[in-house]
PDB file of N, CA and C in Angstrom:
ATOM      1  N   MET A   1     110.761  87.188 122.352  1.00  0.00           N
ATOM      2  CA  MET A   1     111.173  88.406 122.528  1.00  0.00           C
ATOM      3  C   MET A   1     109.674  89.302 122.784  1.00  0.00           C
ATOM      4  N   THR A   2     109.792  90.017 123.440  1.00  0.00           N
ATOM      5  CA  THR A   2     108.760  91.026 124.179  1.00  0.00           C
ATOM      6  C   THR A   2     108.380  91.883 123.085  1.00  0.00           C
ATOM      7  N   HIS A   3     107.206  92.183 122.608  1.00  0.00           N
ATOM      8  CA  HIS A   3     107.252  93.518 121.533  1.00  0.00           C
ATOM      9  C   HIS A   3     106.307  94.521 122.187  1.00  0.00           C
ATOM     10  N   HIS A   4     105.281  94.210 123.258  1.00  0.00           N
ATOM     11  CA  HIS A   4     104.452  95.149 123.774  1.00  0.00           C
ATOM     12  C   HIS A   4     105.053  95.628 125.083  1.00  0.00           C
ATOM     13  N   THR A   5     104.680  96.931 125.151  1.00  0.00           N
ATOM     14  CA  THR A   5     105.015  97.429 126.995  1.00  0.00           C
ATOM     15  C   THR A   5     103.712  97.821 127.377  1.00  0.00           C
ATOM     16  N   HIS A   6     103.753  98.033 128.770  1.00  0.00           N
ATOM     17  CA  HIS A   6     102.853  98.778 129.183  1.00  0.00           C
ATOM     18  C   HIS A   6     103.481  99.456 130.591  1.00  0.00           C
ATOM     19  N   GLU A   7     104.476 100.278 130.193  1.00  0.00           N
ATOM     20  CA  GLU A   7     105.207 100.837 131.298  1.00  0.00           C
ATOM     21  C   GLU A   7     104.529 101.913 131.725  1.00  0.00           C
ATOM     22  N   PHE A   8     103.915 102.738 130.916  1.00  0.00           N
ATOM     23  CA  PHE A   8     103.239 104.175 131.548  1.00  0.00           C
ATOM     24  C   PHE A   8     102.691 103.916 132.742  1.00  0.00           C
ATOM     25  N   VAL A   9     101.700 102.988 132.658  1.00  0.00           N
ATOM     26  CA  VAL A   9     100.698 102.812 133.757  1.00  0.00           C
ATOM     27  C   VAL A   9     101.626 102.171 135.202  1.00  0.00           C
ATOM     28  N   GLU A  10     102.753 101.705 134.808  1.00  0.00           N
ATOM     29  CA  GLU A  10     103.696 101.461 136.041  1.00  0.00           C
ATOM     30  C   GLU A  10     104.317 102.473 136.774  1.00  0.00           C
ATOM     31  N   THR A  11     104.526 103.602 136.163  1.00  0.00           N
ATOM     32  CA  THR A  11     105.458 104.479 136.761  1.00  0.00           C
ATOM     33  C   THR A  11     104.582 105.865 136.717  1.00  0.00           C
ATOM     34  N   TYR A  12     103.522 106.125 136.026  1.00  0.00           N
ATOM     35  CA  TYR A  12     102.711 107.318 136.334  1.00  0.00           C
ATOM     36  C   TYR A  12     102.117 107.559 137.540  1.00  0.00           C
ATOM     37  N   ASP A  13     102.596 108.727 138.176  1.00  0.00           N
ATOM     38  CA  ASP A  13     102.040 109.120 139.478  1.00  0.00           C
ATOM     39  C   ASP A  13     101.134 110.307 139.625  1.00  0.00           C
ATOM     40  N   GLY A  14     100.862 110.793 138.474  1.00  0.00           N
ATOM     41  CA  GLY A  14     100.207 112.235 138.306  1.00  0.00           C
ATOM     42  C   GLY A  14      98.501 111.835 138.306  1.00  0.00           C
ATOM     43  N   PHE A  15      97.919 112.722 138.500  1.00  0.00           N
ATOM     44  CA  PHE A  15      96.217 112.784 138.567  1.00  0.00           C
ATOM     45  C   PHE A  15      95.538 111.826 137.606  1.00  0.00           C
ATOM     46  N   LEU A  16      94.836 111.053 138.070  1.00  0.00           N
ATOM     47  CA  LEU A  16      93.732 110.510 137.068  1.00  0.00           C
ATOM     48  C   LEU A  16      92.309 110.917 137.060  1.00  0.00           C
ATOM     49  N   GLY A  17      92.094 111.255 136.091  1.00  0.00           N
ATOM     50  CA  GLY A  17      90.594 111.922 135.983  1.00  0.00           C
ATOM     51  C   GLY A  17      90.343 112.732 134.430  1.00  0.00           C
ATOM     52  N   PHE A  18      89.084 112.874 134.198  1.00  0.00           N
ATOM     53  CA  PHE A  18      88.787 113.503 133.038  1.00  0.00           C
ATOM     54  C   PHE A  18      88.235 114.896 133.210  1.00  0.00           C
ATOM     55  N   GLY A  19      88.850 115.507 131.986  1.00  0.00           N
ATOM     56  CA  GLY A  19      88.366 116.888 132.004  1.00  0.00           C
ATOM     57  C   GLY A  19      88.721 118.399 132.901  1.00  0.00           C
ATOM     58  N   LEU A  20      89.876 117.752 133.215  1.00  0.00           N
ATOM     59  CA  LEU A  20      90.566 118.915 134.137  1.00  0.00           C
ATOM     60  C   LEU A  20      91.591 119.705 132.849  1.00  0.00           C
ATOM     61  N   SER A  21      92.361 119.032 132.019  1.00  0.00           N
ATOM     62  CA  SER A  21      93.130 119.416 131.036  1.00  0.00           C
ATOM     63  C   SER A  21      93.327 118.153 130.236  1.00  0.00           C
ATOM     64  N   ARG A  22      93.951 118.976 128.803  1.00  0.00           N
ATOM     65  CA  ARG A  22      94.360 117.895 127.584  1.00  0.00           C
ATOM     66  C   ARG A  22      95.292 116.859 128.136  1.00  0.00           C
ATOM     67  N   GLU A  23      96.143 117.090 128.798  1.00  0.00           N
ATOM     68  CA  GLU A  23      97.121 116.592 129.383  1.00  0.00           C
ATOM     69  C   GLU A  23      96.714 115.363 130.254  1.00  0.00           C
ATOM     70  N   THR A  24      95.918 115.961 131.304  1.00  0.00           N
ATOM     71  CA  THR A  24      95.447 114.962 132.223  1.00  0.00           C
ATOM     72  C   THR A  24      94.646 113.879 131.750  1.00  0.00           C
ATOM     73  N   ASP A  25      93.890 114.124 130.666  1.00  0.00           N
ATOM     74  CA  ASP A  25      92.763 113.337 130.010  1.00  0.00           C
ATOM     75  C   ASP A  25      93.825 112.209 129.014  1.00  0.00           C
ATOM     76  N   GLU A  26      94.772 112.781 128.526  1.00  0.00           N
ATOM     77  CA  GLU A  26      95.551 111.942 127.439  1.00  0.00           C
ATOM     78  C   GLU A  26      96.232 111.026 128.574  1.00  0.00           C
ATOM     79  N   ASN A  27      96.911 111.594 129.793  1.00  0.00           N
ATOM     80  CA  ASN A  27      97.435 110.137 130.723  1.00  0.00           C
ATOM     81  C   ASN A  27      96.548 109.674 131.413  1.00  0.00           C
ATOM     82  N   THR A  28      95.295 109.855 131.459  1.00  0.00           N
ATOM     83  CA  THR A  28      93.844 108.932 131.983  1.00  0.00           C
ATOM     84  C   THR A  28      93.696 107.996 131.155  1.00  0.00           C
ATOM     85  N   VAL A  29      93.593 108.254 129.665  1.00  0.00           N
ATOM     86  CA  VAL A  29      92.928 107.156 128.799  1.00  0.00           C
ATOM     87  C   VAL A  29      94.450 106.453 128.798  1.00  0.00           C
ATOM     88  N   ILE A  30      95.607 106.553 129.013  1.00  0.00           N
ATOM     89  CA  ILE A  30      96.812 105.699 128.511  1.00  0.00           C
ATOM     90  C   ILE A  30      96.556 104.779 129.772  1.00  0.00           C
ATOM     91  N   CYS A  31      96.417 105.514 131.076  1.00  0.00           N
ATOM     92  CA  CYS A  31      96.264 104.378 131.844  1.00  0.00           C
ATOM     93  C   CYS A  31      95.232 103.470 131.937  1.00  0.00           C
ATOM     94  N   TYR A  32      93.927 104.148 131.775  1.00  0.00           N
ATOM     95  CA  TYR A  32      92.593 103.090 131.700  1.00  0.00           C
ATOM     96  C   TYR A  32      92.998 102.145 130.480  1.00  0.00           C
ATOM     97  N   LEU A  33      93.585 102.519 129.423  1.00  0.00           N
ATOM     98  CA  LEU A  33      93.670 101.537 128.268  1.00  0.00           C
ATOM     99  C   LEU A  33      94.520 100.477 128.635  1.00  0.00           C
ATOM    100  N   GLN A  34      95.804 100.740 129.351  1.00  0.00           N
ATOM    101  CA  GLN A  34      96.760  99.792 129.728  1.00  0.00           C
ATOM    102  C   GLN A  34      96.384  98.789 130.955  1.00  0.00           C
ATOM    103  N   LYS A  35      95.495  99.543 131.694  1.00  0.00           N
ATOM    104  CA  LYS A  35      94.840  98.845 132.624  1.00  0.00           C
ATOM    105  C   LYS A  35      93.941  97.770 132.131  1.00  0.00           C
ATOM    106  N   PHE A  36      93.142  98.166 131.393  1.00  0.00           N
ATOM    107  CA  PHE A  36      92.146  97.544 130.777  1.00  0.00           C
ATOM    108  C   PHE A  36      92.553  96.234 129.697  1.00  0.00           C
ATOM    109  N   SER A  37      93.796  96.295 129.302  1.00  0.00           N
ATOM    110  CA  SER A  37      94.394  95.360 128.264  1.00  0.00           C
ATOM    111  C   SER A  37      95.110  94.560 129.576  1.00  0.00           C
ATOM    112  N   ASP A  38      95.345  94.502 130.710  1.00  0.00           N
ATOM    113  CA  ASP A  38      95.975  93.487 131.386  1.00  0.00           C
ATOM    114  C   ASP A  38      95.479  92.185 131.345  1.00  0.00           C
ATOM    115  N   ASP A  39      96.245  91.241 131.059  1.00  0.00           N
ATOM    116  CA  ASP A  39      96.080  89.879 130.984  1.00  0.00           C
ATOM    117  C   ASP A  39      94.732  89.258 131.445  1.00  0.00           C
ATOM    118  N   GLN A  40      95.126  89.468 132.864  1.00  0.00           N
ATOM    119  CA  GLN A  40      94.288  88.922 134.235  1.00  0.00           C
ATOM    120  C   GLN A  40      92.938  89.527 133.954  1.00  0.00           C
ATOM    121  N   LEU A  41      92.802  90.728 133.527  1.00  0.00           N
ATOM    122  CA  LEU A  41      91.563  91.574 133.724  1.00  0.00           C
ATOM    123  C   LEU A  41      90.675  91.257 132.395  1.00  0.00           C
ATOM    124  N   ILE A  42      91.563  91.394 131.262  1.00  0.00           N
ATOM    125  CA  ILE A  42      90.765  91.164 129.927  1.00  0.00           C
ATOM    126  C   ILE A  42      90.299  89.671 129.794  1.00  0.00           C
ATOM    127  N   ARG A  43      91.012  88.936 130.130  1.00  0.00           N
ATOM    128  CA  ARG A  43      90.627  87.513 130.069  1.00  0.00           C
ATOM    129  C   ARG A  43      89.263  87.280 130.916  1.00  0.00           C
ATOM    130  N   HIS A  44      89.020  87.613 131.733  1.00  0.00           N
ATOM    131  CA  HIS A  44      87.686  87.807 132.963  1.00  0.00           C
ATOM    132  C   HIS A  44      86.816  88.485 132.393  1.00  0.00           C
ATOM    133  N   MET A  45      87.042  89.503 131.766  1.00  0.00           N
ATOM    134  CA  MET A  45      86.079  90.296 131.215  1.00  0.00           C
ATOM    135  C   MET A  45      85.293  89.606 129.826  1.00  0.00           C
ATOM    136  N   VAL A  46      86.519  89.535 129.090  1.00  0.00           N
ATOM    137  CA  VAL A  46      85.680  88.812 127.518  1.00  0.00           C
ATOM    138  C   VAL A  46      84.852  87.554 127.895  1.00  0.00           C
ATOM    139  N   LYS A  47      84.964  86.829 128.742  1.00  0.00           N
ATOM    140  CA  LYS A  47      84.163  85.721 128.983  1.00  0.00           C
ATOM    141  C   LYS A  47      83.121  85.972 129.458  1.00  0.00           C
ATOM    142  N   GLN A  48      82.611  87.477 129.993  1.00  0.00           N
ATOM    143  CA  GLN A  48      81.328  87.827 130.320  1.00  0.00           C
ATOM    144  C   GLN A  48      80.631  88.775 129.455  1.00  0.00           C
ATOM    145  N   MET A  49      81.417  89.312 128.265  1.00  0.00           N
ATOM    146  CA  MET A  49      81.009  90.435 127.409  1.00  0.00           C
ATOM    147  C   MET A  49      80.259  89.376 126.381  1.00  0.00           C
ATOM    148  N   THR A  50      79.088  89.998 125.820  1.00  0.00           N
ATOM    149  CA  THR A  50      78.007  89.478 124.968  1.00  0.00           C
ATOM    150  C   THR A  50      79.005  89.681 123.557  1.00  0.00           C
ATOM    151  N   ASP A  51      78.641  89.007 122.489  1.00  0.00           N
ATOM    152  CA  ASP A  51      79.035  88.866 121.139  1.00  0.00           C
ATOM    153  C   ASP A  51      79.009  90.620 120.719  1.00  0.00           C
ATOM    154  N   LYS A  52      77.845  91.028 120.975  1.00  0.00           N
ATOM    155  CA  LYS A  52      77.505  92.685 120.599  1.00  0.00           C
ATOM    156  C   LYS A  52      78.744  93.609 121.396  1.00  0.00           C
ATOM    157  N   ASP A  53      78.995  93.294 122.399  1.00  0.00           N
ATOM    158  CA  ASP A  53      80.230  93.772 123.243  1.00  0.00           C
ATOM    159  C   ASP A  53      81.526  93.704 122.660  1.00  0.00           C
ATOM    160  N   LEU A  54      81.702  92.628 122.293  1.00  0.00           N
ATOM    161  CA  LEU A  54      82.919  92.008 121.680  1.00  0.00           C
ATOM    162  C   LEU A  54      83.229  92.979 120.202  1.00  0.00           C
ATOM    163  N   GLU A  55      81.818  92.849 119.541  1.00  0.00           N
ATOM    164  CA  GLU A  55      81.865  93.368 118.359  1.00  0.00           C
ATOM    165  C   GLU A  55      81.832  94.934 118.331  1.00  0.00           C
ATOM    166  N   LYS A  56      81.425  95.372 119.333  1.00  0.00           N
ATOM    167  CA  LYS A  56      81.708  96.947 119.624  1.00  0.00           C
ATOM    168  C   LYS A  56      83.015  97.423 119.480  1.00  0.00           C
ATOM    169  N   VAL A  57      83.691  96.832 120.630  1.00  0.00           N
ATOM    170  CA  VAL A  57      84.921  97.132 121.277  1.00  0.00           C
ATOM    171  C   VAL A  57      85.808  96.896 120.137  1.00  0.00           C
ATOM    172  N   PHE A  58      85.812  95.539 119.233  1.00  0.00           N
ATOM    173  CA  PHE A  58      86.539  95.584 118.063  1.00  0.00           C
ATOM    174  C   PHE A  58      86.362  96.546 117.022  1.00  0.00           C
ATOM    175  N   GLU A  59      85.132  96.941 116.894  1.00  0.00           N
ATOM    176  CA  GLU A  59      85.049  97.972 115.686  1.00  0.00           C
ATOM    177  C   GLU A  59      85.328  99.324 116.075  1.00  0.00           C
ATOM    178  N   MET A  60      85.557  99.553 117.655  1.00  0.00           N
ATOM    179  CA  MET A  60      86.042 101.058 117.946  1.00  0.00           C
ATOM    180  C   MET A  60      87.333 100.972 117.622  1.00  0.00           C
ATOM    181  N   ILE A  61      87.984  99.984 118.134  1.00  0.00           N
ATOM    182  CA  ILE A  61      89.445 100.041 118.176  1.00  0.00           C
ATOM    183  C   ILE A  61      90.147  99.918 116.882  1.00  0.00           C
ATOM    184  N   SER A  62      89.283  99.030 115.899  1.00  0.00           N
ATOM    185  CA  SER A  62      89.835  99.497 114.472  1.00  0.00           C
ATOM    186  C   SER A  62      89.561 100.831 113.925  1.00  0.00           C
ATOM    187  N   GLN A  63      88.521 101.383 114.195  1.00  0.00           N
ATOM    188  CA  GLN A  63      88.200 102.899 113.480  1.00  0.00           C
ATOM    189  C   GLN A  63      89.207 103.888 113.771  1.00  0.00           C
ATOM    190  N   LEU A  64      89.354 103.526 115.342  1.00  0.00           N
ATOM    191  CA  LEU A  64      90.583 104.351 115.741  1.00  0.00           C
ATOM    192  C   LEU A  64      91.749 104.132 115.067  1.00  0.00           C
ATOM    193  N   LEU A  65      92.281 102.995 114.796  1.00  0.00           N
ATOM    194  CA  LEU A  65      93.460 102.503 114.281  1.00  0.00           C
ATOM    195  C   LEU A  65      93.345 103.242 112.580  1.00  0.00           C
ATOM    196  N   LYS A  66      92.262 103.091 112.052  1.00  0.00           N
ATOM    197  CA  LYS A  66      92.513 103.368 110.621  1.00  0.00           C
ATOM    198  C   LYS A  66      92.295 105.219 110.565  1.00  0.00           C
ATOM    199  N   THR A  67      91.560 105.797 111.524  1.00  0.00           N
ATOM    200  CA  THR A  67      91.611 107.218 111.549  1.00  0.00           C
ATOM    201  C   THR A  67      93.212 107.758 111.834  1.00  0.00           C
ATOM    202  N   TYR A  68      93.312 107.389 113.042  1.00  0.00           N
ATOM    203  CA  TYR A  68      94.765 107.893 113.601  1.00  0.00           C
ATOM    204  C   TYR A  68      96.281 107.404 112.956  1.00  0.00           C
ATOM    205  N   LEU A  69      96.414 106.390 112.291  1.00  0.00           N
ATOM    206  CA  LEU A  69      97.343 105.863 111.728  1.00  0.00           C
ATOM    207  C   LEU A  69      97.409 105.883 110.168  1.00  0.00           C
ATOM    208  N   SER A  70      98.712 106.008 109.933  1.00  0.00           N
ATOM    209  CA  SER A  70      98.693 105.626 108.288  1.00  0.00           C
ATOM    210  C   SER A  70      99.036 103.957 108.157  1.00  0.00           C
ATOM    211  N   GLU A  71      99.296 103.599 107.158  1.00  0.00           N
ATOM    212  CA  GLU A  71      99.587 102.226 107.015  1.00  0.00           C
ATOM    213  C   GLU A  71     100.674 101.867 107.585  1.00  0.00           C
ATOM    214  N   PRO A  72     101.780 102.628 107.077  1.00  0.00           N
ATOM    215  CA  PRO A  72     102.963 101.872 107.803  1.00  0.00           C
ATOM    216  C   PRO A  72     103.060 102.317 109.383  1.00  0.00           C
ATOM    217  N   GLU A  73     102.557 103.188 110.108  1.00  0.00           N
ATOM    218  CA  GLU A  73     102.273 103.164 111.379  1.00  0.00           C
ATOM    219  C   GLU A  73     101.476 101.792 112.082  1.00  0.00           C
ATOM    220  N   TYR A  74     100.449 101.659 111.312  1.00  0.00           N
ATOM    221  CA  TYR A  74      99.718 100.610 111.641  1.00  0.00           C
ATOM    222  C   TYR A  74     100.667  99.323 111.973  1.00  0.00           C
ATOM    223  N   HIS A  75     101.377  99.101 110.823  1.00  0.00           N
ATOM    224  CA  HIS A  75     102.274  98.044 111.041  1.00  0.00           C
ATOM    225  C   HIS A  75     103.227  98.169 111.753  1.00  0.00           C
ATOM    226  N   ARG A  76     104.143  99.203 112.164  1.00  0.00           N
ATOM    227  CA  ARG A  76     105.268  99.353 113.000  1.00  0.00           C
ATOM    228  C   ARG A  76     104.634  99.501 114.635  1.00  0.00           C
ATOM    229  N   LEU A  77     103.705 100.305 114.272  1.00  0.00           N
ATOM    230  CA  LEU A  77     103.257 100.208 115.966  1.00  0.00           C
ATOM    231  C   LEU A  77     102.191  99.359 116.709  1.00  0.00           C
ATOM    232  N   PHE A  78     101.236  99.322 115.885  1.00  0.00           N
ATOM    233  CA  PHE A  78     100.056  98.159 116.141  1.00  0.00           C
ATOM    234  C   PHE A  78     100.694  96.831 116.007  1.00  0.00           C
ATOM    235  N   LEU A  79     101.033  96.362 114.873  1.00  0.00           N
ATOM    236  CA  LEU A  79     101.146  94.909 114.483  1.00  0.00           C
ATOM    237  C   LEU A  79     102.682  94.603 114.836  1.00  0.00           C
ATOM    238  N   LYS A  80     103.522  95.503 115.038  1.00  0.00           N
ATOM    239  CA  LYS A  80     104.862  95.512 115.397  1.00  0.00           C
ATOM    240  C   LYS A  80     105.751  94.623 114.414  1.00  0.00           C
ATOM    241  N   ASP A  81     105.595  94.852 113.090  1.00  0.00           N
ATOM    242  CA  ASP A  81     106.390  94.111 111.876  1.00  0.00           C
ATOM    243  C   ASP A  81     106.926  95.217 111.111  1.00  0.00           C
ATOM    244  N   ASP A  82     107.490  94.690 110.238  1.00  0.00           N
ATOM    245  CA  ASP A  82     108.503  95.473 109.406  1.00  0.00           C
ATOM    246  C   ASP A  82     107.881  95.789 108.134  1.00  0.00           C
ATOM    247  N   HIS A  83     106.475  95.756 107.902  1.00  0.00           N
ATOM    248  CA  HIS A  83     106.148  95.894 106.695  1.00  0.00           C
ATOM    249  C   HIS A  83     106.476  97.442 106.029  1.00  0.00           C
ATOM    250  N   PRO A  84     106.677  97.432 105.034  1.00  0.00           N
ATOM    251  CA  PRO A  84     107.278  98.902 104.370  1.00  0.00           C
ATOM    252  C   PRO A  84     106.040  99.611 104.299  1.00  0.00           C
TER     253      PRO A  84
END
């Protein structure tokens, strides 16, 4: 069973750019992150990234998760599990 989705990037047909409006910024970040996490792209990139680059990406994502998700949200939305 597939738990993860990347539908937004497949259906969004609006403007991509940053600094125009909050809505456009949000949509652009969603598209960039979904494109960035594409299996073929990210497998190619991680082979070229330094250990420090890998660590920076991991730490940045971890910090964002800790800042913006409660523990139940982290389990439900990121881990996709039924943790209470």
